[in-house]
Amino acid sequence: MQNKLLTMLGFAQKSGNLVSGENTVELYLPKRKISLVIITTDASENTRERFVSMAERYQVPYIIWGDREILSHAIGKYNRAVYGVTNKKFSREIFRIYEAL
């Protein structure tokens, strides 16, 4: 199941439906362009609290899962702690797979 989730993140990245990095996600959240926030488990406490708070404020579902190295490798970018899925269908599927874990 974990591989399925990583594959979905890779597909979302390749199709242009994933934004990554703290600054980018922070920019897209208030614009209501993100439908799911993914925060890595090894993100700093401040980062985790900030993005959980923002996701709740803008009523966007979020998950805290995976570590920075594995998720970054899945999307082909380096050292990202926060991800935002912009496509609702990808978001639903990723969240469904996450709940099955």
N, C-alpha and C. Protein backbone atom coordinates (compact mmCIF):
# COMPACT_ATOMS: atom_id res chain seq x y z
N MET A 1 0.82 -1.21 0.00
CA MET A 1 0.00 0.00 0.00
C MET A 1 0.85 1.26 0.00
N GLN A 2 1.97 1.20 0.73
CA GLN A 2 2.84 2.37 0.77
C GLN A 2 3.36 2.70 -0.63
N ASN A 3 3.72 1.67 -1.39
CA ASN A 3 4.19 1.90 -2.75
C ASN A 3 3.11 2.53 -3.62
N LYS A 4 1.86 2.13 -3.39
CA LYS A 4 0.75 2.69 -4.16
C LYS A 4 0.61 4.19 -3.90
N LEU A 5 0.76 4.57 -2.64
CA LEU A 5 0.67 5.98 -2.27
C LEU A 5 1.82 6.78 -2.89
N LEU A 6 3.01 6.22 -2.85
CA LEU A 6 4.17 6.90 -3.45
C LEU A 6 3.99 7.01 -4.97
N THR A 7 3.44 5.98 -5.59
CA THR A 7 3.19 6.02 -7.03
C THR A 7 2.18 7.11 -7.38
N MET A 8 1.13 7.22 -6.58
CA MET A 8 0.12 8.26 -6.81
C MET A 8 0.74 9.65 -6.69
N LEU A 9 1.63 9.84 -5.72
CA LEU A 9 2.32 11.13 -5.59
C LEU A 9 3.17 11.41 -6.83
N GLY A 10 3.84 10.38 -7.33
CA GLY A 10 4.63 10.54 -8.54
C GLY A 10 3.78 10.92 -9.74
N PHE A 11 2.63 10.27 -9.88
CA PHE A 11 1.71 10.60 -10.97
C PHE A 11 1.19 12.03 -10.83
N ALA A 12 0.86 12.42 -9.61
CA ALA A 12 0.36 13.78 -9.38
C ALA A 12 1.44 14.80 -9.76
N GLN A 13 2.69 14.51 -9.42
CA GLN A 13 3.79 15.42 -9.76
C GLN A 13 3.96 15.53 -11.27
N LYS A 14 3.96 14.38 -11.93
CA LYS A 14 4.18 14.37 -13.39
C LYS A 14 3.04 15.04 -14.15
N SER A 15 1.83 14.97 -13.60
CA SER A 15 0.69 15.57 -14.28
C SER A 15 0.48 17.03 -13.89
N GLY A 16 1.34 17.55 -13.03
CA GLY A 16 1.25 18.96 -12.64
C GLY A 16 0.19 19.22 -11.57
N ASN A 17 -0.20 18.19 -10.83
CA ASN A 17 -1.23 18.33 -9.81
C ASN A 17 -0.67 18.26 -8.39
N LEU A 18 0.62 18.50 -8.25
CA LEU A 18 1.25 18.47 -6.93
C LEU A 18 2.19 19.65 -6.82
N VAL A 19 2.08 20.38 -5.73
CA VAL A 19 3.05 21.43 -5.42
C VAL A 19 3.80 20.99 -4.17
N SER A 20 5.05 21.36 -4.09
CA SER A 20 5.85 20.90 -2.95
C SER A 20 6.71 22.04 -2.42
N GLY A 21 7.04 21.92 -1.16
CA GLY A 21 7.84 22.94 -0.50
C GLY A 21 6.96 23.85 0.34
N GLU A 22 7.52 24.29 1.44
CA GLU A 22 6.75 25.10 2.39
C GLU A 22 6.23 26.39 1.77
N ASN A 23 7.09 27.11 1.08
CA ASN A 23 6.68 28.40 0.52
C ASN A 23 5.57 28.26 -0.51
N THR A 24 5.69 27.29 -1.38
CA THR A 24 4.69 27.10 -2.43
C THR A 24 3.34 26.70 -1.86
N VAL A 25 3.36 25.75 -0.94
CA VAL A 25 2.09 25.31 -0.33
C VAL A 25 1.47 26.46 0.45
N GLU A 26 2.30 27.21 1.16
CA GLU A 26 1.80 28.36 1.93
C GLU A 26 1.17 29.41 1.01
N LEU A 27 1.67 29.54 -0.20
CA LEU A 27 1.14 30.48 -1.16
C LEU A 27 -0.19 29.99 -1.76
N TYR A 28 -0.30 28.70 -2.03
CA TYR A 28 -1.49 28.14 -2.70
C TYR A 28 -2.66 27.92 -1.75
N LEU A 29 -2.41 27.66 -0.47
CA LEU A 29 -3.50 27.37 0.46
C LEU A 29 -4.54 28.50 0.57
N PRO A 30 -4.14 29.75 0.77
CA PRO A 30 -5.15 30.81 0.87
C PRO A 30 -5.93 31.02 -0.43
N LYS A 31 -5.35 30.63 -1.54
CA LYS A 31 -6.02 30.78 -2.84
C LYS A 31 -7.00 29.64 -3.10
N ARG A 32 -7.10 28.70 -2.15
CA ARG A 32 -8.03 27.56 -2.25
C ARG A 32 -7.72 26.66 -3.45
N LYS A 33 -6.45 26.53 -3.79
CA LYS A 33 -6.06 25.70 -4.93
C LYS A 33 -5.58 24.32 -4.51
N ILE A 34 -5.47 24.09 -3.21
CA ILE A 34 -4.98 22.81 -2.70
C ILE A 34 -6.13 22.06 -2.06
N SER A 35 -6.26 20.77 -2.41
CA SER A 35 -7.35 19.98 -1.85
C SER A 35 -6.87 18.93 -0.84
N LEU A 36 -5.55 18.77 -0.68
CA LEU A 36 -4.99 17.87 0.33
C LEU A 36 -3.58 18.33 0.65
N VAL A 37 -3.26 18.42 1.94
CA VAL A 37 -1.92 18.77 2.38
C VAL A 37 -1.27 17.53 2.97
N ILE A 38 -0.04 17.26 2.57
CA ILE A 38 0.72 16.13 3.10
C ILE A 38 1.94 16.69 3.80
N ILE A 39 2.10 16.34 5.08
CA ILE A 39 3.22 16.82 5.89
C ILE A 39 4.02 15.58 6.28
N THR A 40 5.34 15.63 6.13
CA THR A 40 6.16 14.48 6.49
C THR A 40 6.27 14.37 8.00
N THR A 41 6.49 13.14 8.47
CA THR A 41 6.59 12.91 9.91
C THR A 41 7.86 13.51 10.49
N ASP A 42 8.89 13.69 9.66
CA ASP A 42 10.14 14.25 10.18
C ASP A 42 10.25 15.76 9.94
N ALA A 43 9.15 16.40 9.59
CA ALA A 43 9.14 17.86 9.49
C ALA A 43 9.30 18.43 10.90
N SER A 44 9.85 19.60 11.01
CA SER A 44 10.04 20.20 12.34
C SER A 44 8.69 20.45 13.00
N GLU A 45 8.71 20.53 14.31
CA GLU A 45 7.48 20.76 15.06
C GLU A 45 6.80 22.06 14.63
N ASN A 46 7.58 23.11 14.41
CA ASN A 46 7.01 24.39 13.98
C ASN A 46 6.33 24.26 12.62
N THR A 47 6.99 23.58 11.69
CA THR A 47 6.42 23.38 10.35
C THR A 47 5.12 22.59 10.44
N ARG A 48 5.16 21.51 11.22
CA ARG A 48 3.97 20.68 11.36
C ARG A 48 2.81 21.49 11.94
N GLU A 49 3.06 22.21 13.02
CA GLU A 49 2.01 23.01 13.64
C GLU A 49 1.48 24.09 12.70
N ARG A 50 2.39 24.75 11.98
CA ARG A 50 1.99 25.83 11.07
C ARG A 50 1.07 25.31 9.96
N PHE A 51 1.42 24.19 9.36
CA PHE A 51 0.62 23.69 8.24
C PHE A 51 -0.66 22.98 8.68
N VAL A 52 -0.64 22.36 9.84
CA VAL A 52 -1.89 21.80 10.38
C VAL A 52 -2.86 22.93 10.66
N SER A 53 -2.35 23.99 11.26
CA SER A 53 -3.19 25.16 11.56
C SER A 53 -3.76 25.79 10.28
N MET A 54 -2.90 25.95 9.27
CA MET A 54 -3.36 26.53 8.00
C MET A 54 -4.39 25.63 7.32
N ALA A 55 -4.14 24.33 7.32
CA ALA A 55 -5.08 23.40 6.69
C ALA A 55 -6.43 23.45 7.39
N GLU A 56 -6.42 23.51 8.70
CA GLU A 56 -7.69 23.60 9.43
C GLU A 56 -8.38 24.93 9.18
N ARG A 57 -7.61 26.01 9.12
CA ARG A 57 -8.18 27.33 8.88
C ARG A 57 -8.88 27.40 7.52
N TYR A 58 -8.26 26.80 6.51
CA TYR A 58 -8.83 26.84 5.16
C TYR A 58 -9.67 25.60 4.85
N GLN A 59 -9.92 24.78 5.86
CA GLN A 59 -10.76 23.58 5.75
C GLN A 59 -10.29 22.63 4.66
N VAL A 60 -8.99 22.36 4.67
CA VAL A 60 -8.38 21.44 3.72
C VAL A 60 -7.93 20.21 4.51
N PRO A 61 -8.28 19.00 4.06
CA PRO A 61 -7.80 17.81 4.77
C PRO A 61 -6.29 17.71 4.69
N TYR A 62 -5.70 17.10 5.72
CA TYR A 62 -4.25 16.93 5.74
C TYR A 62 -3.91 15.57 6.30
N ILE A 63 -2.73 15.09 5.92
CA ILE A 63 -2.21 13.85 6.50
C ILE A 63 -0.76 14.09 6.89
N ILE A 64 -0.35 13.43 7.94
CA ILE A 64 1.05 13.47 8.38
C ILE A 64 1.57 12.05 8.16
N TRP A 65 2.44 11.89 7.17
CA TRP A 65 2.86 10.55 6.78
C TRP A 65 4.20 10.59 6.06
N GLY A 66 4.95 9.52 6.19
CA GLY A 66 6.18 9.32 5.44
C GLY A 66 7.31 10.22 5.90
N ASP A 67 8.49 9.90 5.44
CA ASP A 67 9.59 10.79 5.78
C ASP A 67 10.06 11.55 4.54
N ARG A 68 10.76 12.61 4.82
CA ARG A 68 11.17 13.58 3.80
C ARG A 68 11.91 12.92 2.64
N GLU A 69 12.82 12.01 2.94
CA GLU A 69 13.66 11.41 1.91
C GLU A 69 12.83 10.54 0.95
N ILE A 70 11.95 9.72 1.50
CA ILE A 70 11.15 8.80 0.67
C ILE A 70 10.18 9.58 -0.21
N LEU A 71 9.47 10.54 0.37
CA LEU A 71 8.49 11.30 -0.42
C LEU A 71 9.18 12.17 -1.47
N SER A 72 10.30 12.77 -1.10
CA SER A 72 11.04 13.59 -2.07
C SER A 72 11.52 12.74 -3.24
N HIS A 73 11.99 11.54 -2.92
CA HIS A 73 12.45 10.65 -3.99
C HIS A 73 11.28 10.24 -4.91
N ALA A 74 10.10 10.05 -4.34
CA ALA A 74 8.93 9.63 -5.13
C ALA A 74 8.53 10.68 -6.16
N ILE A 75 8.74 11.95 -5.85
CA ILE A 75 8.34 12.99 -6.81
C ILE A 75 9.52 13.54 -7.60
N GLY A 76 10.73 13.10 -7.27
CA GLY A 76 11.89 13.54 -8.03
C GLY A 76 12.41 14.91 -7.64
N LYS A 77 12.09 15.36 -6.44
CA LYS A 77 12.62 16.64 -5.95
C LYS A 77 13.33 16.36 -4.63
N TYR A 78 14.17 17.28 -4.21
CA TYR A 78 15.01 17.03 -3.05
C TYR A 78 14.53 17.78 -1.81
N ASN A 79 14.46 17.07 -0.69
CA ASN A 79 14.30 17.66 0.64
C ASN A 79 13.04 18.51 0.80
N ARG A 80 11.88 17.95 0.52
CA ARG A 80 10.61 18.66 0.69
C ARG A 80 9.87 18.05 1.87
N ALA A 81 9.33 18.90 2.74
CA ALA A 81 8.63 18.42 3.94
C ALA A 81 7.12 18.58 3.84
N VAL A 82 6.66 19.43 2.91
CA VAL A 82 5.22 19.70 2.79
C VAL A 82 4.83 19.62 1.32
N TYR A 83 3.67 18.97 1.08
CA TYR A 83 3.17 18.79 -0.28
C TYR A 83 1.72 19.21 -0.33
N GLY A 84 1.29 19.73 -1.46
CA GLY A 84 -0.10 20.08 -1.65
C GLY A 84 -0.61 19.49 -2.95
N VAL A 85 -1.68 18.71 -2.86
CA VAL A 85 -2.29 18.10 -4.05
C VAL A 85 -3.37 19.06 -4.54
N THR A 86 -3.31 19.43 -5.81
CA THR A 86 -4.24 20.43 -6.34
C THR A 86 -5.44 19.82 -7.05
N ASN A 87 -5.40 18.55 -7.37
CA ASN A 87 -6.50 17.89 -8.08
C ASN A 87 -7.36 17.11 -7.09
N LYS A 88 -8.66 17.32 -7.11
CA LYS A 88 -9.56 16.67 -6.15
C LYS A 88 -9.59 15.15 -6.31
N LYS A 89 -9.50 14.65 -7.53
CA LYS A 89 -9.52 13.21 -7.73
C LYS A 89 -8.26 12.55 -7.17
N PHE A 90 -7.11 13.16 -7.42
CA PHE A 90 -5.87 12.66 -6.83
C PHE A 90 -5.95 12.72 -5.31
N SER A 91 -6.49 13.81 -4.79
CA SER A 91 -6.61 13.97 -3.34
C SER A 91 -7.45 12.87 -2.73
N ARG A 92 -8.60 12.60 -3.33
CA ARG A 92 -9.48 11.55 -2.81
C ARG A 92 -8.80 10.19 -2.84
N GLU A 93 -8.12 9.89 -3.93
CA GLU A 93 -7.46 8.59 -4.07
C GLU A 93 -6.31 8.46 -3.08
N ILE A 94 -5.49 9.49 -2.94
CA ILE A 94 -4.37 9.46 -2.00
C ILE A 94 -4.89 9.30 -0.58
N PHE A 95 -5.94 10.03 -0.23
CA PHE A 95 -6.51 9.94 1.11
C PHE A 95 -7.11 8.56 1.36
N ARG A 96 -7.74 7.99 0.34
CA ARG A 96 -8.31 6.63 0.47
C ARG A 96 -7.21 5.60 0.73
N ILE A 97 -6.11 5.70 -0.02
CA ILE A 97 -4.99 4.78 0.17
C ILE A 97 -4.37 4.98 1.55
N TYR A 98 -4.25 6.22 1.96
CA TYR A 98 -3.68 6.52 3.29
C TYR A 98 -4.52 5.90 4.40
N GLU A 99 -5.84 6.01 4.28
CA GLU A 99 -6.72 5.44 5.31
C GLU A 99 -6.63 3.91 5.33
N ALA A 100 -6.34 3.29 4.20
CA ALA A 100 -6.20 1.84 4.15
C ALA A 100 -4.91 1.37 4.81
N LEU A 101 -3.94 2.26 4.95
CA LEU A 101 -2.70 1.91 5.64
C LEU A 101 -3.01 1.75 7.10
